[in-house]
PDB file of N, CA and C in Angstrom:
ATOM      1  N   UNK A   1       2.934   7.292  36.194  1.00  0.00           N
ATOM      2  CA  UNK A   1       3.907   6.608  35.357  1.00  0.00           C
ATOM      3  C   UNK A   1       3.280   5.366  34.723  1.00  0.00           C
ATOM      4  N   UNK A   2       2.599   4.561  35.544  1.00  0.00           N
ATOM      5  CA  UNK A   2       1.982   3.343  35.037  1.00  0.00           C
ATOM      6  C   UNK A   2       0.924   3.660  33.983  1.00  0.00           C
ATOM      7  N   UNK A   3       0.141   4.725  34.214  1.00  0.00           N
ATOM      8  CA  UNK A   3      -0.903   5.107  33.258  1.00  0.00           C
ATOM      9  C   UNK A   3      -0.306   5.535  31.923  1.00  0.00           C
ATOM     10  N   UNK A   4       0.794   6.266  31.974  1.00  0.00           N
ATOM     11  CA  UNK A   4       1.407   6.693  30.717  1.00  0.00           C
ATOM     12  C   UNK A   4       1.966   5.495  29.956  1.00  0.00           C
ATOM     13  N   UNK A   5       2.467   4.477  30.676  1.00  0.00           N
ATOM     14  CA  UNK A   5       2.934   3.263  30.015  1.00  0.00           C
ATOM     15  C   UNK A   5       1.771   2.518  29.381  1.00  0.00           C
ATOM     16  N   UNK A   6       0.638   2.461  30.069  1.00  0.00           N
ATOM     17  CA  UNK A   6      -0.550   1.798  29.519  1.00  0.00           C
ATOM     18  C   UNK A   6      -1.021   2.513  28.265  1.00  0.00           C
ATOM     19  N   UNK A   7      -1.015   3.844  28.315  1.00  0.00           N
ATOM     20  CA  UNK A   7      -1.432   4.632  27.153  1.00  0.00           C
ATOM     21  C   UNK A   7      -0.509   4.366  25.973  1.00  0.00           C
ATOM     22  N   UNK A   8       0.795   4.325  26.239  1.00  0.00           N
ATOM     23  CA  UNK A   8       1.760   4.062  25.169  1.00  0.00           C
ATOM     24  C   UNK A   8       1.551   2.681  24.572  1.00  0.00           C
ATOM     25  N   UNK A   9       1.311   1.694  25.413  1.00  0.00           N
ATOM     26  CA  UNK A   9       1.086   0.334  24.915  1.00  0.00           C
ATOM     27  C   UNK A   9      -0.189   0.251  24.096  1.00  0.00           C
ATOM     28  N   UNK A  10      -1.256   0.909  24.543  1.00  0.00           N
ATOM     29  CA  UNK A  10      -2.509   0.871  23.786  1.00  0.00           C
ATOM     30  C   UNK A  10      -2.354   1.592  22.455  1.00  0.00           C
ATOM     31  N   UNK A  11      -1.566   2.662  22.421  1.00  0.00           N
ATOM     32  CA  UNK A  11      -1.325   3.369  21.161  1.00  0.00           C
ATOM     33  C   UNK A  11      -0.572   2.475  20.188  1.00  0.00           C
ATOM     34  N   UNK A  12       0.450   1.776  20.675  1.00  0.00           N
ATOM     35  CA  UNK A  12       1.215   0.886  19.807  1.00  0.00           C
ATOM     36  C   UNK A  12       0.341  -0.239  19.275  1.00  0.00           C
ATOM     37  N   UNK A  13      -0.518  -0.784  20.122  1.00  0.00           N
ATOM     38  CA  UNK A  13      -1.405  -1.861  19.695  1.00  0.00           C
ATOM     39  C   UNK A  13      -2.373  -1.376  18.628  1.00  0.00           C
ATOM     40  N   UNK A  14      -2.981  -0.214  18.824  1.00  0.00           N
ATOM     41  CA  UNK A  14      -3.952   0.279  17.850  1.00  0.00           C
ATOM     42  C   UNK A  14      -3.280   0.670  16.544  1.00  0.00           C
ATOM     43  N   UNK A  15      -2.073   1.215  16.596  1.00  0.00           N
ATOM     44  CA  UNK A  15      -1.414   1.585  15.350  1.00  0.00           C
ATOM     45  C   UNK A  15      -0.971   0.346  14.581  1.00  0.00           C
ATOM     46  N   UNK A  16      -0.681  -0.752  15.298  1.00  0.00           N
ATOM     47  CA  UNK A  16      -0.341  -1.989  14.622  1.00  0.00           C
ATOM     48  C   UNK A  16      -1.578  -2.617  14.009  1.00  0.00           C
ATOM     49  N   UNK A  17      -2.678  -2.611  14.737  1.00  0.00           N
ATOM     50  CA  UNK A  17      -3.901  -3.240  14.260  1.00  0.00           C
ATOM     51  C   UNK A  17      -4.473  -2.513  13.061  1.00  0.00           C
ATOM     52  N   UNK A  18      -4.372  -1.217  13.043  1.00  0.00           N
ATOM     53  CA  UNK A  18      -4.959  -0.434  11.964  1.00  0.00           C
ATOM     54  C   UNK A  18      -3.893   0.321  11.183  1.00  0.00           C
ATOM     55  N   UNK A  19      -2.742  -0.292  11.013  1.00  0.00           N
ATOM     56  CA  UNK A  19      -1.628   0.407  10.403  1.00  0.00           C
ATOM     57  C   UNK A  19      -1.412   0.148   8.928  1.00  0.00           C
ATOM     58  N   UNK A  20      -2.430  -0.363   8.209  1.00  0.00           N
ATOM     59  CA  UNK A  20      -2.264  -0.596   6.783  1.00  0.00           C
ATOM     60  C   UNK A  20      -1.970   0.718   6.076  1.00  0.00           C
ATOM     61  N   UNK A  21      -0.989   0.696   5.195  1.00  0.00           N
ATOM     62  CA  UNK A  21      -0.630   1.899   4.435  1.00  0.00           C
ATOM     63  C   UNK A  21      -0.911   1.648   2.964  1.00  0.00           C
ATOM     64  N   UNK A  22      -1.539   2.630   2.314  1.00  0.00           N
ATOM     65  CA  UNK A  22      -1.900   2.512   0.900  1.00  0.00           C
ATOM     66  C   UNK A  22      -1.528   3.790   0.169  1.00  0.00           C
ATOM     67  N   UNK A  23      -1.333   3.651  -1.144  1.00  0.00           N
ATOM     68  CA  UNK A  23      -1.185   4.839  -1.973  1.00  0.00           C
ATOM     69  C   UNK A  23      -2.547   5.498  -2.085  1.00  0.00           C
ATOM     70  N   UNK A  24      -2.554   6.832  -2.148  1.00  0.00           N
ATOM     71  CA  UNK A  24      -3.796   7.587  -2.181  1.00  0.00           C
ATOM     72  C   UNK A  24      -3.675   8.714  -3.198  1.00  0.00           C
ATOM     73  N   UNK A  25      -4.450   8.630  -4.286  1.00  0.00           N
ATOM     74  CA  UNK A  25      -4.390   9.673  -5.310  1.00  0.00           C
ATOM     75  C   UNK A  25      -5.547   9.526  -6.291  1.00  0.00           C
ATOM     76  N   UNK A  26      -5.757  10.571  -7.056  1.00  0.00           N
ATOM     77  CA  UNK A  26      -6.635  10.571  -8.227  1.00  0.00           C
ATOM     78  C   UNK A  26      -5.810  11.224  -9.322  1.00  0.00           C
ATOM     79  N   UNK A  27      -5.488  10.464 -10.382  1.00  0.00           N
ATOM     80  CA  UNK A  27      -4.534  10.964 -11.370  1.00  0.00           C
ATOM     81  C   UNK A  27      -4.763  10.367 -12.755  1.00  0.00           C
ATOM     82  N   UNK A  28      -4.280  11.067 -13.757  1.00  0.00           N
ATOM     83  CA  UNK A  28      -4.285  10.544 -15.125  1.00  0.00           C
ATOM     84  C   UNK A  28      -3.057   9.687 -15.392  1.00  0.00           C
ATOM     85  N   UNK A  29      -2.017   9.827 -14.569  1.00  0.00           N
ATOM     86  CA  UNK A  29      -0.772   9.089 -14.737  1.00  0.00           C
ATOM     87  C   UNK A  29      -0.463   8.316 -13.450  1.00  0.00           C
ATOM     88  N   UNK A  30      -0.795   7.022 -13.395  1.00  0.00           N
ATOM     89  CA  UNK A  30      -0.602   6.243 -12.166  1.00  0.00           C
ATOM     90  C   UNK A  30       0.830   6.239 -11.643  1.00  0.00           C
ATOM     91  N   UNK A  31       1.816   6.457 -12.509  1.00  0.00           N
ATOM     92  CA  UNK A  31       3.205   6.448 -12.045  1.00  0.00           C
ATOM     93  C   UNK A  31       3.526   7.657 -11.169  1.00  0.00           C
ATOM     94  N   UNK A  32       2.656   8.668 -11.166  1.00  0.00           N
ATOM     95  CA  UNK A  32       2.880   9.849 -10.326  1.00  0.00           C
ATOM     96  C   UNK A  32       2.210   9.729  -8.959  1.00  0.00           C
ATOM     97  N   UNK A  33       1.575   8.611  -8.701  1.00  0.00           N
ATOM     98  CA  UNK A  33       0.874   8.417  -7.424  1.00  0.00           C
ATOM     99  C   UNK A  33       1.885   8.047  -6.344  1.00  0.00           C
ATOM    100  N   UNK A  34       2.264   9.035  -5.538  1.00  0.00           N
ATOM    101  CA  UNK A  34       3.278   8.810  -4.506  1.00  0.00           C
ATOM    102  C   UNK A  34       2.792   9.138  -3.099  1.00  0.00           C
ATOM    103  N   UNK A  35       1.580   9.681  -2.956  1.00  0.00           N
ATOM    104  CA  UNK A  35       1.056   9.999  -1.625  1.00  0.00           C
ATOM    105  C   UNK A  35       0.686   8.706  -0.900  1.00  0.00           C
ATOM    106  N   UNK A  36       1.087   8.600   0.356  1.00  0.00           N
ATOM    107  CA  UNK A  36       0.825   7.417   1.167  1.00  0.00           C
ATOM    108  C   UNK A  36       0.000   7.830   2.376  1.00  0.00           C
ATOM    109  N   UNK A  37      -1.048   7.043   2.674  1.00  0.00           N
ATOM    110  CA  UNK A  37      -1.874   7.301   3.847  1.00  0.00           C
ATOM    111  C   UNK A  37      -1.908   6.053   4.718  1.00  0.00           C
ATOM    112  N   UNK A  38      -2.138   6.251   6.006  1.00  0.00           N
ATOM    113  CA  UNK A  38      -2.398   5.148   6.920  1.00  0.00           C
ATOM    114  C   UNK A  38      -3.904   5.003   7.012  1.00  0.00           C
ATOM    115  N   UNK A  39      -4.394   3.823   6.712  1.00  0.00           N
ATOM    116  CA  UNK A  39      -5.837   3.600   6.643  1.00  0.00           C
ATOM    117  C   UNK A  39      -6.472   3.659   8.029  1.00  0.00           C
ATOM    118  N   UNK A  40      -7.685   4.211   8.109  1.00  0.00           N
ATOM    119  CA  UNK A  40      -8.396   4.252   9.387  1.00  0.00           C
ATOM    120  C   UNK A  40      -8.959   2.873   9.744  1.00  0.00           C
ATOM    121  N   UNK A  41      -9.446   2.736  10.956  1.00  0.00           N
ATOM    122  CA  UNK A  41     -10.042   1.486  11.422  1.00  0.00           C
ATOM    123  C   UNK A  41     -11.157   1.053  10.479  1.00  0.00           C
ATOM    124  N   UNK A  42     -11.192  -0.233  10.159  1.00  0.00           N
ATOM    125  CA  UNK A  42     -12.219  -0.775   9.286  1.00  0.00           C
ATOM    126  C   UNK A  42     -11.843  -0.779   7.819  1.00  0.00           C
ATOM    127  N   UNK A  43     -10.814  -0.046   7.451  1.00  0.00           N
ATOM    128  CA  UNK A  43     -10.345  -0.016   6.068  1.00  0.00           C
ATOM    129  C   UNK A  43      -9.138  -0.947   5.986  1.00  0.00           C
ATOM    130  N   UNK A  44      -9.387  -2.191   5.584  1.00  0.00           N
ATOM    131  CA  UNK A  44      -8.364  -3.230   5.660  1.00  0.00           C
ATOM    132  C   UNK A  44      -7.830  -3.687   4.309  1.00  0.00           C
ATOM    133  N   UNK A  45      -8.114  -2.935   3.262  1.00  0.00           N
ATOM    134  CA  UNK A  45      -7.623  -3.244   1.921  1.00  0.00           C
ATOM    135  C   UNK A  45      -7.131  -1.973   1.244  1.00  0.00           C
ATOM    136  N   UNK A  46      -6.184  -2.122   0.333  1.00  0.00           N
ATOM    137  CA  UNK A  46      -5.804  -1.031  -0.561  1.00  0.00           C
ATOM    138  C   UNK A  46      -6.556  -1.265  -1.863  1.00  0.00           C
ATOM    139  N   UNK A  47      -6.983  -0.190  -2.499  1.00  0.00           N
ATOM    140  CA  UNK A  47      -7.795  -0.333  -3.704  1.00  0.00           C
ATOM    141  C   UNK A  47      -7.269   0.544  -4.823  1.00  0.00           C
ATOM    142  N   UNK A  48      -7.575   0.106  -6.047  1.00  0.00           N
ATOM    143  CA  UNK A  48      -7.204   0.854  -7.237  1.00  0.00           C
ATOM    144  C   UNK A  48      -8.315   0.683  -8.266  1.00  0.00           C
ATOM    145  N   UNK A  49      -8.699   1.783  -8.893  1.00  0.00           N
ATOM    146  CA  UNK A  49      -9.750   1.758  -9.906  1.00  0.00           C
ATOM    147  C   UNK A  49      -9.370   2.718 -11.017  1.00  0.00           C
ATOM    148  N   UNK A  50      -9.452   2.241 -12.255  1.00  0.00           N
ATOM    149  CA  UNK A  50      -9.209   3.103 -13.409  1.00  0.00           C
ATOM    150  C   UNK A  50     -10.474   3.149 -14.248  1.00  0.00           C
ATOM    151  N   UNK A  51     -10.973   4.356 -14.479  1.00  0.00           N
ATOM    152  CA  UNK A  51     -12.173   4.555 -15.293  1.00  0.00           C
ATOM    153  C   UNK A  51     -12.016   5.843 -16.080  1.00  0.00           C
ATOM    154  N   UNK A  52     -12.326   5.786 -17.359  1.00  0.00           N
ATOM    155  CA  UNK A  52     -12.244   6.956 -18.246  1.00  0.00           C
ATOM    156  C   UNK A  52     -10.861   7.599 -18.203  1.00  0.00           C
ATOM    157  N   UNK A  53      -9.816   6.777 -18.077  1.00  0.00           N
ATOM    158  CA  UNK A  53      -8.452   7.287 -18.084  1.00  0.00           C
ATOM    159  C   UNK A  53      -7.979   7.884 -16.775  1.00  0.00           C
ATOM    160  N   UNK A  54      -8.815   7.841 -15.741  1.00  0.00           N
ATOM    161  CA  UNK A  54      -8.450   8.392 -14.435  1.00  0.00           C
ATOM    162  C   UNK A  54      -8.285   7.238 -13.450  1.00  0.00           C
ATOM    163  N   UNK A  55      -7.149   7.206 -12.770  1.00  0.00           N
ATOM    164  CA  UNK A  55      -6.868   6.172 -11.780  1.00  0.00           C
ATOM    165  C   UNK A  55      -7.044   6.739 -10.383  1.00  0.00           C
ATOM    166  N   UNK A  56      -7.772   5.986  -9.554  1.00  0.00           N
ATOM    167  CA  UNK A  56      -7.981   6.348  -8.156  1.00  0.00           C
ATOM    168  C   UNK A  56      -7.395   5.245  -7.295  1.00  0.00           C
ATOM    169  N   UNK A  57      -6.588   5.616  -6.303  1.00  0.00           N
ATOM    170  CA  UNK A  57      -5.994   4.669  -5.359  1.00  0.00           C
ATOM    171  C   UNK A  57      -6.303   5.164  -3.955  1.00  0.00           C
ATOM    172  N   UNK A  58      -6.713   4.239  -3.077  1.00  0.00           N
ATOM    173  CA  UNK A  58      -7.107   4.626  -1.732  1.00  0.00           C
ATOM    174  C   UNK A  58      -7.235   3.406  -0.828  1.00  0.00           C
ATOM    175  N   UNK A  59      -7.627   3.627   0.427  1.00  0.00           N
ATOM    176  CA  UNK A  59      -7.970   2.564   1.365  1.00  0.00           C
ATOM    177  C   UNK A  59      -9.437   2.191   1.145  1.00  0.00           C
ATOM    178  N   UNK A  60      -9.784   0.941   1.466  1.00  0.00           N
ATOM    179  CA  UNK A  60     -11.144   0.488   1.234  1.00  0.00           C
ATOM    180  C   UNK A  60     -11.503  -0.615   2.229  1.00  0.00           C
ATOM    181  N   UNK A  61     -12.734  -0.622   2.746  1.00  0.00           N
ATOM    182  CA  UNK A  61     -13.162  -1.766   3.553  1.00  0.00           C
ATOM    183  C   UNK A  61     -13.441  -2.972   2.645  1.00  0.00           C
ATOM    184  N   UNK A  62     -13.222  -4.161   3.147  1.00  0.00           N
ATOM    185  CA  UNK A  62     -13.384  -5.380   2.357  1.00  0.00           C
ATOM    186  C   UNK A  62     -14.740  -5.471   1.681  1.00  0.00           C
ATOM    187  N   UNK A  63     -15.807  -5.134   2.394  1.00  0.00           N
ATOM    188  CA  UNK A  63     -17.149  -5.308   1.842  1.00  0.00           C
ATOM    189  C   UNK A  63     -17.451  -4.383   0.664  1.00  0.00           C
ATOM    190  N   UNK A  64     -16.640  -3.367   0.426  1.00  0.00           N
ATOM    191  CA  UNK A  64     -16.839  -2.485  -0.722  1.00  0.00           C
ATOM    192  C   UNK A  64     -15.921  -2.828  -1.894  1.00  0.00           C
ATOM    193  N   UNK A  65     -15.136  -3.867  -1.746  1.00  0.00           N
ATOM    194  CA  UNK A  65     -14.219  -4.289  -2.810  1.00  0.00           C
ATOM    195  C   UNK A  65     -14.965  -5.168  -3.808  1.00  0.00           C
ATOM    196  N   UNK A  66     -15.573  -4.524  -4.787  1.00  0.00           N
ATOM    197  CA  UNK A  66     -16.306  -5.246  -5.824  1.00  0.00           C
ATOM    198  C   UNK A  66     -15.776  -4.819  -7.187  1.00  0.00           C
ATOM    199  N   UNK A  67     -15.939  -5.692  -8.175  1.00  0.00           N
ATOM    200  CA  UNK A  67     -15.471  -5.399  -9.523  1.00  0.00           C
ATOM    201  C   UNK A  67     -16.177  -4.160 -10.067  1.00  0.00           C
ATOM    202  N   UNK A  68     -15.473  -3.322 -10.768  1.00  0.00           N
ATOM    203  CA  UNK A  68     -14.142  -3.443 -11.376  1.00  0.00           C
ATOM    204  C   UNK A  68     -13.004  -2.963 -10.484  1.00  0.00           C
ATOM    205  N   UNK A  69     -13.286  -2.651  -9.223  1.00  0.00           N
ATOM    206  CA  UNK A  69     -12.237  -2.192  -8.318  1.00  0.00           C
ATOM    207  C   UNK A  69     -11.297  -3.348  -7.996  1.00  0.00           C
ATOM    208  N   UNK A  70     -10.006  -3.067  -7.983  1.00  0.00           N
ATOM    209  CA  UNK A  70      -9.008  -4.073  -7.636  1.00  0.00           C
ATOM    210  C   UNK A  70      -8.546  -3.794  -6.218  1.00  0.00           C
ATOM    211  N   UNK A  71      -8.748  -4.756  -5.336  1.00  0.00           N
ATOM    212  CA  UNK A  71      -8.341  -4.605  -3.940  1.00  0.00           C
ATOM    213  C   UNK A  71      -7.244  -5.608  -3.619  1.00  0.00           C
ATOM    214  N   UNK A  72      -6.400  -5.229  -2.670  1.00  0.00           N
ATOM    215  CA  UNK A  72      -5.302  -6.099  -2.266  1.00  0.00           C
ATOM    216  C   UNK A  72      -5.027  -5.894  -0.781  1.00  0.00           C
ATOM    217  N   UNK A  73      -4.339  -6.876  -0.195  1.00  0.00           N
ATOM    218  CA  UNK A  73      -3.943  -6.808   1.206  1.00  0.00           C
ATOM    219  C   UNK A  73      -2.447  -6.589   1.280  1.00  0.00           C
ATOM    220  N   UNK A  74      -2.029  -5.799   2.231  1.00  0.00           N
ATOM    221  CA  UNK A  74      -0.597  -5.581   2.419  1.00  0.00           C
ATOM    222  C   UNK A  74      -0.220  -4.138   2.170  1.00  0.00           C
ATOM    223  N   UNK A  75       0.754  -3.676   2.915  1.00  0.00           N
ATOM    224  CA  UNK A  75       1.195  -2.291   2.800  1.00  0.00           C
ATOM    225  C   UNK A  75       1.629  -1.946   1.383  1.00  0.00           C
ATOM    226  N   UNK A  76       1.080  -0.853   0.885  1.00  0.00           N
ATOM    227  CA  UNK A  76       1.438  -0.268  -0.408  1.00  0.00           C
ATOM    228  C   UNK A  76       1.269  -1.237  -1.577  1.00  0.00           C
ATOM    229  N   UNK A  77       0.344  -2.183  -1.452  1.00  0.00           N
ATOM    230  CA  UNK A  77       0.138  -3.165  -2.520  1.00  0.00           C
ATOM    231  C   UNK A  77      -0.562  -2.575  -3.736  1.00  0.00           C
ATOM    232  N   UNK A  78      -1.147  -1.385  -3.614  1.00  0.00           N
ATOM    233  CA  UNK A  78      -1.808  -0.746  -4.759  1.00  0.00           C
ATOM    234  C   UNK A  78      -0.885   0.251  -5.450  1.00  0.00           C
ATOM    235  N   UNK A  79       0.409  -0.006  -5.375  1.00  0.00           N
ATOM    236  CA  UNK A  79       1.401   0.906  -5.934  1.00  0.00           C
ATOM    237  C   UNK A  79       1.453   0.917  -7.446  1.00  0.00           C
ATOM    238  N   UNK A  80       2.105   1.935  -7.964  1.00  0.00           N
ATOM    239  CA  UNK A  80       2.231   2.115  -9.407  1.00  0.00           C
ATOM    240  C   UNK A  80       3.432   1.380  -9.964  1.00  0.00           C
ATOM    241  N   UNK A  81       4.407   1.085  -9.118  1.00  0.00           N
ATOM    242  CA  UNK A  81       5.643   0.471  -9.587  1.00  0.00           C
ATOM    243  C   UNK A  81       5.512  -1.044  -9.484  1.00  0.00           C
ATOM    244  N   UNK A  82       5.618  -1.760 -10.604  1.00  0.00           N
ATOM    245  CA  UNK A  82       5.489  -3.214 -10.551  1.00  0.00           C
ATOM    246  C   UNK A  82       6.661  -3.847  -9.815  1.00  0.00           C
ATOM    247  N   UNK A  83       6.358  -4.852  -9.016  1.00  0.00           N
ATOM    248  CA  UNK A  83       7.410  -5.579  -8.304  1.00  0.00           C
ATOM    249  C   UNK A  83       7.302  -7.063  -8.611  1.00  0.00           C
ATOM    250  N   UNK A  84       6.876  -7.381  -9.809  1.00  0.00           N
ATOM    251  CA  UNK A  84       6.703  -8.763 -10.229  1.00  0.00           C
ATOM    252  C   UNK A  84       8.026  -9.449 -10.478  1.00  0.00           C
ATOM    253  N   UNK A  85       7.972 -10.669 -10.998  1.00  0.00           N
ATOM    254  CA  UNK A  85       9.181 -11.462 -11.229  1.00  0.00           C
ATOM    255  C   UNK A  85      10.191 -10.785 -12.151  1.00  0.00           C
ATOM    256  N   UNK A  86       9.738 -10.052 -13.160  1.00  0.00           N
ATOM    257  CA  UNK A  86      10.688  -9.440 -14.088  1.00  0.00           C
ATOM    258  C   UNK A  86      11.546  -8.380 -13.405  1.00  0.00           C
ATOM    259  N   UNK A  87      10.962  -7.599 -12.521  1.00  0.00           N
ATOM    260  CA  UNK A  87      11.718  -6.579 -11.796  1.00  0.00           C
ATOM    261  C   UNK A  87      12.696  -7.242 -10.834  1.00  0.00           C
ATOM    262  N   UNK A  88      12.241  -8.278 -10.139  1.00  0.00           N
ATOM    263  CA  UNK A  88      13.123  -8.977  -9.204  1.00  0.00           C
ATOM    264  C   UNK A  88      14.275  -9.653  -9.942  1.00  0.00           C
ATOM    265  N   UNK A  89      13.999 -10.222 -11.100  1.00  0.00           N
ATOM    266  CA  UNK A  89      15.054 -10.847 -11.894  1.00  0.00           C
ATOM    267  C   UNK A  89      16.079  -9.817 -12.347  1.00  0.00           C
ATOM    268  N   UNK A  90      15.622  -8.651 -12.747  1.00  0.00           N
ATOM    269  CA  UNK A  90      16.526  -7.578 -13.157  1.00  0.00           C
ATOM    270  C   UNK A  90      17.417  -7.147 -11.990  1.00  0.00           C
ATOM    271  N   UNK A  91      16.838  -6.983 -10.819  1.00  0.00           N
ATOM    272  CA  UNK A  91      17.622  -6.588  -9.646  1.00  0.00           C
ATOM    273  C   UNK A  91      18.637  -7.662  -9.268  1.00  0.00           C
ATOM    274  N   UNK A  92      18.216  -8.911  -9.316  1.00  0.00           N
ATOM    275  CA  UNK A  92      19.116 -10.007  -8.974  1.00  0.00           C
ATOM    276  C   UNK A  92      20.277 -10.093  -9.956  1.00  0.00           C
ATOM    277  N   UNK A  93      19.989  -9.995 -11.246  1.00  0.00           N
ATOM    278  CA  UNK A  93      21.070 -10.068 -12.233  1.00  0.00           C
ATOM    279  C   UNK A  93      22.025  -8.883 -12.096  1.00  0.00           C
ATOM    280  N   UNK A  94      21.505  -7.711 -11.786  1.00  0.00           N
ATOM    281  CA  UNK A  94      22.370  -6.541 -11.569  1.00  0.00           C
ATOM    282  C   UNK A  94      23.280  -6.747 -10.368  1.00  0.00           C
ATOM    283  N   UNK A  95      22.741  -7.326  -9.303  1.00  0.00           N
ATOM    284  CA  UNK A  95      23.540  -7.578  -8.105  1.00  0.00           C
ATOM    285  C   UNK A  95      24.641  -8.592  -8.386  1.00  0.00           C
ATOM    286  N   UNK A  96      24.319  -9.629  -9.146  1.00  0.00           N
ATOM    287  CA  UNK A  96      25.320 -10.652  -9.472  1.00  0.00           C
ATOM    288  C   UNK A  96      26.432 -10.060 -10.328  1.00  0.00           C
ATOM    289  N   UNK A  97      26.073  -9.264 -11.323  1.00  0.00           N
ATOM    290  CA  UNK A  97      27.077  -8.635 -12.184  1.00  0.00           C
ATOM    291  C   UNK A  97      27.973  -7.709 -11.367  1.00  0.00           C
ATOM    292  N   UNK A  98      27.370  -6.923 -10.478  1.00  0.00           N
ATOM    293  CA  UNK A  98      28.139  -6.003  -9.640  1.00  0.00           C
ATOM    294  C   UNK A  98      29.097  -6.766  -8.726  1.00  0.00           C
ATOM    295  N   UNK A  99      28.647  -7.887  -8.198  1.00  0.00           N
ATOM    296  CA  UNK A  99      29.459  -8.679  -7.279  1.00  0.00           C
ATOM    297  C   UNK A  99      30.658  -9.312  -7.977  1.00  0.00           C
ATOM    298  N   UNK A 100      30.467  -9.798  -9.191  1.00  0.00           N
ATOM    299  CA  UNK A 100      31.527 -10.520  -9.890  1.00  0.00           C
ATOM    300  C   UNK A 100      32.397  -9.653 -10.791  1.00  0.00           C
ATOM    301  N   UNK A 101      32.071  -8.407 -10.979  1.00  0.00           N
ATOM    302  CA  UNK A 101      32.879  -7.547 -11.860  1.00  0.00           C
ATOM    303  C   UNK A 101      33.818  -6.695 -11.060  1.00  0.00           C
TER     304      UNK A 101
END
């Protein structure tokens, strides 16, 4: 019983330590990139590269993140859907209108 608890705890620790999730695809249309992978140990960045009209998104180790590749930290940060201020402002204004109407 104790050993199975130790195994479960070590599994949770390793999945947390190496649990970065990134979009993973090779496509002509970045908006169709919906496959998500959990990065293996040592791959601590999400990356995106567009060359000759083809976009590649994947996990990447920090030391291989060199220009023109764009690397970022954080789950699904190499996504196709922008989440910048304009999108957040649109969502906020929609919520306010819905609340007051």
